[in-house]
Protein backbone atom coordinates (compact mmCIF):
# COMPACT_ATOMS: atom_id res chain seq x y z
CA MET A 1 0.00 0.00 0.00
CA VAL A 2 1.32 3.42 -0.95
CA ILE A 3 0.60 6.23 1.54
CA ILE A 4 0.50 9.66 -0.08
CA MET A 5 1.23 12.68 2.07
CA THR A 6 -0.97 15.69 1.38
CA LYS A 7 0.17 19.23 2.03
CA HIS A 8 0.80 19.77 5.74
CA VAL A 9 -0.78 23.04 6.87
CA TYR A 10 0.03 25.14 9.93
CA ASN A 11 -2.54 24.15 12.55
CA PHE A 12 -3.37 26.95 15.00
CA TYR A 13 -6.37 25.22 16.58
CA ALA A 14 -6.56 25.35 20.38
CA GLY A 15 -7.16 21.61 20.59
CA PRO A 16 -6.94 18.97 19.43
CA ALA A 17 -3.85 20.71 18.29
CA THR A 18 -0.79 20.33 16.12
CA LEU A 19 1.56 17.41 16.78
CA PRO A 20 5.26 17.19 15.92
CA LEU A 21 5.66 16.09 12.32
CA PRO A 22 8.48 13.64 13.20
CA ALA A 23 6.14 11.98 15.73
CA LEU A 24 3.39 11.63 13.14
CA LYS A 25 5.80 10.15 10.61
CA LYS A 26 7.12 7.66 13.16
CA ALA A 27 3.57 6.61 14.01
CA GLN A 28 2.86 6.22 10.31
CA GLU A 29 5.89 3.96 9.92
CA GLU A 30 4.84 1.77 12.84
CA LEU A 31 1.10 1.85 12.23
CA LEU A 32 0.80 -1.63 10.74
CA ASP A 33 3.74 -3.29 12.47
CA PHE A 34 4.77 -2.04 15.90
CA GLN A 35 8.41 -2.94 16.45
CA GLY A 36 8.25 -6.28 14.70
CA THR A 37 5.12 -7.61 16.38
CA GLY A 38 3.22 -7.88 13.09
CA MET A 39 0.43 -5.86 14.70
CA SER A 40 -0.46 -2.24 15.21
CA LEU A 41 0.06 -0.91 18.71
CA MET A 42 -3.70 -0.42 18.70
CA GLU A 43 -4.05 -4.21 18.51
CA ILE A 44 -1.48 -5.57 20.95
CA SER A 45 -2.27 -6.42 24.56
CA HIS A 46 -1.66 -3.77 27.17
CA ARG A 47 -0.19 -6.63 29.23
CA SER A 48 2.38 -7.52 26.59
CA LYS A 49 6.09 -6.88 27.11
CA GLU A 50 6.17 -4.70 23.98
CA TYR A 51 3.45 -2.42 25.29
CA ALA A 52 4.89 -2.39 28.82
CA LYS A 53 8.23 -1.16 27.50
CA MET A 54 6.60 1.67 25.55
CA HIS A 55 4.40 2.62 28.52
CA ALA A 56 7.39 2.79 30.86
CA GLU A 57 9.32 4.89 28.36
CA ALA A 58 6.44 7.40 28.12
CA SER A 59 6.30 7.80 31.90
CA GLY A 60 10.09 7.98 32.08
CA LEU A 61 10.13 10.84 29.61
CA VAL A 62 7.61 12.79 31.69
CA LYS A 63 9.71 12.26 34.81
CA GLU A 64 12.91 13.28 33.01
CA LEU A 65 11.56 16.30 31.15
CA MET A 66 9.74 17.71 34.18
CA ASP A 67 12.48 16.74 36.65
CA LEU A 68 9.94 15.04 38.91
CA PRO A 69 11.06 13.84 42.36
CA ASP A 70 10.62 10.15 43.13
CA ASP A 71 7.60 10.74 45.36
CA TYR A 72 5.52 12.09 42.48
CA LYS A 73 3.47 9.43 40.70
CA ILE A 74 2.60 9.61 37.01
CA MET A 75 -0.77 8.40 35.77
CA TRP A 76 -2.24 8.17 32.28
CA LEU A 77 -6.01 8.41 32.69
CA GLN A 78 -9.08 8.64 30.53
CA GLY A 79 -11.97 11.09 30.74
CA GLY A 80 -10.13 14.26 29.76
CA ALA A 81 -8.93 16.99 32.08
CA SER A 82 -12.60 17.72 32.77
CA SER A 83 -12.79 14.45 34.72
CA GLN A 84 -10.12 15.83 37.04
CA PHE A 85 -12.45 18.72 37.88
CA TYR A 86 -14.30 16.25 40.13
CA MET A 87 -11.45 13.81 40.85
CA VAL A 88 -9.38 16.59 42.43
CA PRO A 89 -11.91 17.51 45.13
CA LEU A 90 -12.96 13.87 45.52
CA ASN A 91 -9.39 12.75 46.21
CA LEU A 92 -8.16 15.81 48.12
CA GLN A 93 -11.16 16.68 50.29
CA GLN A 94 -10.72 17.02 54.03
CA LYS A 95 -13.44 17.31 56.64
CA GLU A 96 -14.25 20.83 57.77
CA LYS A 97 -11.77 22.37 55.33
CA SER A 98 -12.73 24.52 52.37
CA MET A 99 -11.45 24.02 48.84
CA GLU A 100 -10.02 27.23 47.38
CA TYR A 101 -9.94 28.23 43.71
CA VAL A 102 -8.83 31.13 41.52
CA ASN A 103 -11.28 31.92 38.73
CA THR A 104 -9.49 32.90 35.52
CA GLY A 105 -11.92 31.68 32.88
CA VAL A 106 -14.27 29.05 31.52
CA TRP A 107 -12.24 26.05 32.65
CA SER A 108 -11.75 27.45 36.14
CA LYS A 109 -15.50 27.97 36.43
CA LYS A 110 -16.14 24.38 35.40
CA ALA A 111 -13.68 23.14 38.01
CA ILE A 112 -15.32 25.32 40.67
CA LYS A 113 -18.75 23.91 39.78
CA GLU A 114 -17.55 20.33 40.23
CA GLY A 115 -15.77 21.15 43.48
CA ARG A 116 -19.02 22.31 45.04
CA PHE A 117 -20.38 18.76 44.86
CA TYR A 118 -17.81 17.76 47.50
CA GLY A 119 -17.84 20.55 50.03
CA ASP A 120 -17.36 24.23 50.70
CA VAL A 121 -15.67 26.05 47.83
CA LYS A 122 -14.15 29.51 48.19
CA VAL A 123 -13.13 31.62 45.20
CA VAL A 124 -10.22 33.62 46.58
CA ALA A 125 -9.53 35.68 43.44
CA SER A 126 -11.10 36.27 40.03
CA SER A 127 -10.48 38.21 36.83
CA GLU A 128 -14.08 37.95 35.62
CA ASP A 129 -14.56 41.68 36.24
CA GLU A 130 -12.53 42.39 33.08
CA ASN A 131 -13.60 39.39 30.99
CA PHE A 132 -10.66 37.33 32.19
CA SER A 133 -8.07 39.51 30.51
CA TYR A 134 -5.52 39.14 33.31
CA ILE A 135 -4.19 36.84 36.03
CA PRO A 136 -5.03 38.24 39.49
CA ASN A 137 -2.18 39.59 41.60
CA ASP A 138 -1.62 39.00 45.32
CA ILE A 139 -3.59 35.75 45.46
CA GLU A 140 -3.96 34.64 49.07
CA PHE A 141 -4.93 31.10 49.96
CA SER A 142 -5.75 30.34 53.59
CA ASP A 143 -3.45 28.14 55.66
CA ASN A 144 -6.34 25.81 56.47
CA ALA A 145 -7.57 24.99 52.97
CA ALA A 146 -7.86 21.37 51.85
CA PHE A 147 -6.16 22.40 48.61
CA ALA A 148 -5.61 25.40 46.34
CA HIS A 149 -6.56 25.16 42.65
CA ILE A 150 -5.47 27.25 39.67
CA THR A 151 -5.78 26.98 35.90
CA GLY A 152 -2.26 27.66 34.66
CA ASN A 153 -3.12 28.82 31.14
CA ASN A 154 -6.41 29.98 29.68
CA THR A 155 -6.84 29.01 26.04
CA ILE A 156 -9.95 31.09 25.43
CA TYR A 157 -8.67 34.37 26.83
CA GLY A 158 -4.95 34.00 26.18
CA THR A 159 -3.67 34.45 29.73
CA GLU A 160 -1.06 32.47 31.66
CA TYR A 161 0.51 32.44 35.11
CA HIS A 162 4.11 33.62 35.02
CA GLU A 163 4.52 33.47 38.79
CA TRP A 164 2.95 30.81 40.98
CA PRO A 165 0.86 31.89 43.96
CA LYS A 166 2.26 31.05 47.37
CA VAL A 167 0.62 28.39 49.52
CA SER A 168 1.21 27.07 53.00
CA SER A 169 3.34 23.92 53.16
CA ASN A 170 0.31 21.90 54.27
CA VAL A 171 -1.90 23.12 51.38
CA PRO A 172 -1.26 21.27 48.10
CA LEU A 173 -1.28 23.57 45.09
CA THR A 174 -3.19 21.90 42.27
CA CYS A 175 -2.83 23.12 38.70
CA ASP A 176 -4.67 22.37 35.49
CA MET A 177 -1.81 22.60 32.99
CA SER A 178 -3.73 21.22 30.03
CA SER A 179 -2.76 23.92 27.58
CA HIS A 180 0.76 24.76 28.73
CA ILE A 181 2.37 21.75 30.33
CA MET A 182 6.10 21.72 29.54
CA ASP A 183 5.95 25.09 27.79
CA LYS A 184 8.48 26.41 30.31
CA VAL A 185 10.63 25.19 33.15
CA ILE A 186 8.79 24.87 36.46
CA ASP A 187 9.67 23.60 39.93
CA PRO A 188 7.34 20.60 40.33
CA LYS A 189 7.89 20.59 44.09
CA LYS A 190 5.68 23.68 44.30
CA PHE A 191 2.69 21.51 43.38
CA GLY A 192 0.81 18.69 45.00
CA VAL A 193 -1.11 17.83 41.84
CA ILE A 194 -0.58 18.63 38.16
CA TYR A 195 -2.98 17.45 35.49
CA ALA A 196 -3.22 18.05 31.77
CA GLY A 197 -5.37 16.84 28.93
CA ALA A 198 -2.81 15.76 26.34
CA GLN A 199 -4.47 17.13 23.23
CA LYS A 200 -3.05 20.63 23.41
CA ASN A 201 0.64 20.42 24.24
CA ILE A 202 1.89 16.84 24.57
CA GLY A 203 -0.18 14.49 22.44
CA PRO A 204 -3.58 13.59 20.98
CA ALA A 205 -7.02 13.56 22.56
CA GLY A 206 -7.91 10.51 24.63
CA VAL A 207 -5.49 10.62 27.55
CA THR A 208 -4.91 12.87 30.54
CA LEU A 209 -1.59 13.11 32.30
CA VAL A 210 -2.05 13.27 36.08
CA ILE A 211 0.88 13.77 38.47
CA VAL A 212 0.25 13.46 42.21
CA ARG A 213 2.56 13.64 45.22
CA GLU A 214 2.16 10.27 46.87
CA ASP A 215 1.45 11.51 50.41
CA LEU A 216 -1.89 12.82 49.10
CA PHE A 217 -3.27 9.43 48.09
CA GLY A 218 -4.43 8.68 51.63
CA ARG A 219 -7.04 11.43 51.70
CA VAL A 220 -9.67 9.81 49.50
CA PRO A 221 -12.68 8.31 51.35
CA GLU A 222 -12.65 4.52 51.38
CA ASN A 223 -16.20 4.32 50.02
CA THR A 224 -15.14 6.07 46.79
CA PRO A 225 -15.68 4.02 43.60
CA THR A 226 -12.48 2.16 42.73
CA LEU A 227 -11.71 3.83 39.40
CA GLN A 228 -12.22 7.30 40.86
CA LYS A 229 -9.39 6.85 43.34
CA TRP A 230 -6.04 8.11 42.09
CA LYS A 231 -4.26 5.53 44.22
CA THR A 232 -5.96 2.71 42.29
CA HIS A 233 -4.24 3.85 39.11
CA ALA A 234 -0.95 4.79 40.77
CA GLU A 235 -0.57 1.39 42.43
CA LYS A 236 -1.06 -0.39 39.08
CA ASP A 237 1.04 2.03 37.01
CA SER A 238 -2.10 3.14 35.12
CA LEU A 239 -2.74 -0.49 34.09
CA PHE A 240 -5.59 -1.34 36.47
CA ASN A 241 -7.75 -1.52 33.36
CA THR A 242 -7.12 -1.11 29.65
CA GLY A 243 -5.87 2.41 29.15
CA PRO A 244 -5.74 4.66 26.08
CA CYS A 245 -2.78 2.79 24.60
CA TRP A 246 -2.51 4.62 21.27
CA ALA A 247 -2.80 8.05 22.84
CA ILE A 248 -0.05 7.22 25.34
CA TYR A 249 2.13 5.99 22.48
CA MET A 250 1.62 9.25 20.59
CA CYS A 251 2.52 11.21 23.73
CA LYS A 252 5.69 9.15 24.00
CA LEU A 253 6.68 10.03 20.42
CA SER A 254 5.92 13.71 21.01
CA LEU A 255 7.95 13.73 24.22
CA GLU A 256 10.86 12.08 22.42
CA TYR A 257 10.72 14.93 19.92
CA LEU A 258 10.73 17.47 22.75
CA LYS A 259 13.74 15.76 24.30
CA SER A 260 15.55 15.83 20.96
CA LEU A 261 15.20 19.62 20.88
CA GLY A 262 16.93 19.92 24.22
CA GLY A 263 14.01 19.38 26.57
CA VAL A 264 11.91 21.96 28.38
CA PRO A 265 14.66 24.60 28.78
CA ALA A 266 15.16 24.62 25.02
CA ILE A 267 11.47 24.67 24.14
CA GLU A 268 10.90 27.52 26.60
CA LYS A 269 13.37 29.67 24.65
CA ILE A 270 11.64 28.75 21.40
CA ASN A 271 8.19 29.41 22.88
CA ARG A 272 9.20 32.85 24.12
CA LYS A 273 10.61 33.68 20.71
CA LYS A 274 7.44 32.50 18.95
CA ALA A 275 5.18 34.46 21.27
CA LYS A 276 7.28 37.62 20.88
CA ILE A 277 7.00 37.43 17.09
CA LEU A 278 3.19 37.57 17.26
CA TYR A 279 2.86 40.00 20.14
CA ASP A 280 5.23 42.37 18.35
CA VAL A 281 2.88 42.36 15.35
CA ILE A 282 -0.01 43.24 17.66
CA ASP A 283 1.89 45.92 19.58
CA ASN A 284 3.28 47.55 16.42
CA SER A 285 -0.03 47.61 14.52
CA SER A 286 -1.19 51.02 15.84
CA GLY A 287 -4.36 49.41 17.18
CA PHE A 288 -5.32 47.47 14.06
CA TYR A 289 -4.75 44.30 16.07
CA ARG A 290 -5.87 44.53 19.71
CA GLY A 291 -4.73 41.86 22.12
CA HIS A 292 -7.31 40.59 24.61
CA ALA A 293 -4.88 39.71 27.41
CA LYS A 294 -3.09 42.37 29.39
CA PRO A 295 0.65 42.33 28.58
CA ALA A 296 1.78 41.06 31.99
CA SER A 297 -0.58 38.08 31.72
CA ARG A 298 -0.05 37.14 28.08
CA SER A 299 0.06 33.45 27.28
CA LEU A 300 3.01 31.83 25.55
CA MET A 301 0.61 29.30 24.04
CA ASN A 302 -2.57 31.12 22.96
CA VAL A 303 -2.38 34.54 21.35
CA THR A 304 -5.82 36.16 21.28
CA PHE A 305 -6.64 39.38 19.46
CA ASN A 306 -9.35 41.35 17.66
CA LEU A 307 -9.46 43.45 14.50
CA PRO A 308 -11.43 46.70 14.03
CA THR A 309 -14.56 44.90 12.78
CA SER A 310 -15.99 41.38 12.76
CA GLU A 311 -16.08 41.58 8.95
CA LEU A 312 -12.31 42.13 8.84
CA GLU A 313 -11.81 39.26 11.26
CA ALA A 314 -13.81 36.92 9.03
CA LYS A 315 -11.87 38.08 5.99
CA CYS A 316 -8.54 37.59 7.76
CA ILE A 317 -9.49 34.07 8.85
CA THR A 318 -10.60 33.15 5.32
CA GLU A 319 -7.47 34.53 3.69
CA GLY A 320 -5.29 32.83 6.30
CA LEU A 321 -6.94 29.53 5.48
CA SER A 322 -6.13 30.02 1.80
CA ARG A 323 -2.47 30.41 2.85
CA GLY A 324 -2.48 27.10 4.71
CA MET A 325 -3.07 28.54 8.20
CA VAL A 326 -6.05 26.85 9.87
CA GLY A 327 -7.84 27.28 13.18
CA LEU A 328 -7.48 31.05 13.57
CA LYS A 329 -11.04 31.81 14.63
CA GLY A 330 -11.34 32.99 18.23
CA HIS A 331 -13.60 31.43 20.81
CA ARG A 332 -17.14 32.77 20.88
CA SER A 333 -16.57 34.15 24.41
CA VAL A 334 -14.18 36.80 23.13
CA GLY A 335 -14.59 36.58 19.36
CA GLY A 336 -11.79 37.81 17.16
CA MET A 337 -8.87 35.54 16.35
CA ARG A 338 -6.67 33.13 18.23
CA ALA A 339 -3.36 31.56 17.29
CA SER A 340 -2.43 28.57 19.44
CA ILE A 341 1.32 28.11 19.21
CA TYR A 342 1.97 25.05 21.33
CA ASN A 343 5.30 23.25 21.69
CA ALA A 344 4.81 21.39 18.40
CA MET A 345 4.20 24.54 16.35
CA PRO A 346 7.41 25.28 14.44
CA ILE A 347 8.78 28.79 14.50
CA GLU A 348 8.37 28.85 10.72
CA GLY A 349 4.62 28.59 11.15
CA VAL A 350 4.54 31.51 13.58
CA GLN A 351 6.70 33.62 11.27
CA ALA A 352 4.43 32.79 8.34
CA LEU A 353 1.42 33.96 10.34
CA ALA A 354 3.18 37.15 11.44
CA ASP A 355 4.13 37.97 7.85
CA PHE A 356 0.58 37.35 6.71
CA LEU A 357 -0.91 39.55 9.46
CA LYS A 358 1.39 42.44 8.58
CA GLU A 359 0.50 42.09 4.92
CA PHE A 360 -3.21 41.91 5.73
CA GLN A 361 -2.99 45.12 7.74
CA GLU A 362 -1.26 46.96 4.94
CA LYS A 363 -4.03 46.01 2.52
CA ASN A 364 -7.00 46.59 4.82
CA GLN A 365 -6.31 49.42 7.25
């Protein structure tokens, strides 16, 4: 069978998002015969030695790239990051202690809603007063909270934490990193829990990476359903039941690509360069392009902006598509345009978009 490659466009969708081309090509090569098994990885047993080796390599790459201490356990779970909106409070709840959240957008609000099913929720800070265009300053979590929860990056509004809020040593900081995990170097010891749907920055849809400090596993009530306990999955290395094997495999290939670039320190430099290219276009456009996020809160991953009219926005999106740049329409909450420039987006794609935007302004202002 001959496989014909069609033209590969620049994919600026917020998710599912672009994947590294080398990872896609490797998956294509191994699609019908995974490492000499005569079967696709989608067909082999998750109990086989071939799968076990791949699974361990994927987890090992996460540990290496994020510099995780030994007491942090890696899990590959199903249900999307949205399932963690209820698994976090379910697994971290403590009697007579409130659960504290910062509200920075749609995904924070969804997490807050789920938390309220398990106890008292306090919203300690919010940027809703200005349509989530900034990350609140001087966030103060109480010393007696069961946990503190933040959404590290906000795809819809284009904001990102660049400094982590302080928490008491007995309050685990929990972060939804779905849209920015591994976009920059972090100190994992600042967090009790990190979770991320893979389909934005580390892989395809279908798997969620969950990282939990092991001393927190003992909090979950014993009468909790088995599969909803993090410790069930941690104790069985995410193999208690059949997991999302193909999605984990694709994450492994994507993480190998990230490692080949020099790991997270290297991709952070690239990400900052990519973001600067686009924000410079916005800042130097004399108001033709207006960024939604305040400069101090701008995301490295999702650049959101508006044009003078909705008609110009539609025209810009259509013309961008004709140039091989897809997924530039903004979310309905803010309208306008959005360029998601995750780890797998090459700098050439960002430069092509910047050149197009400058040309579009010259022709339409």
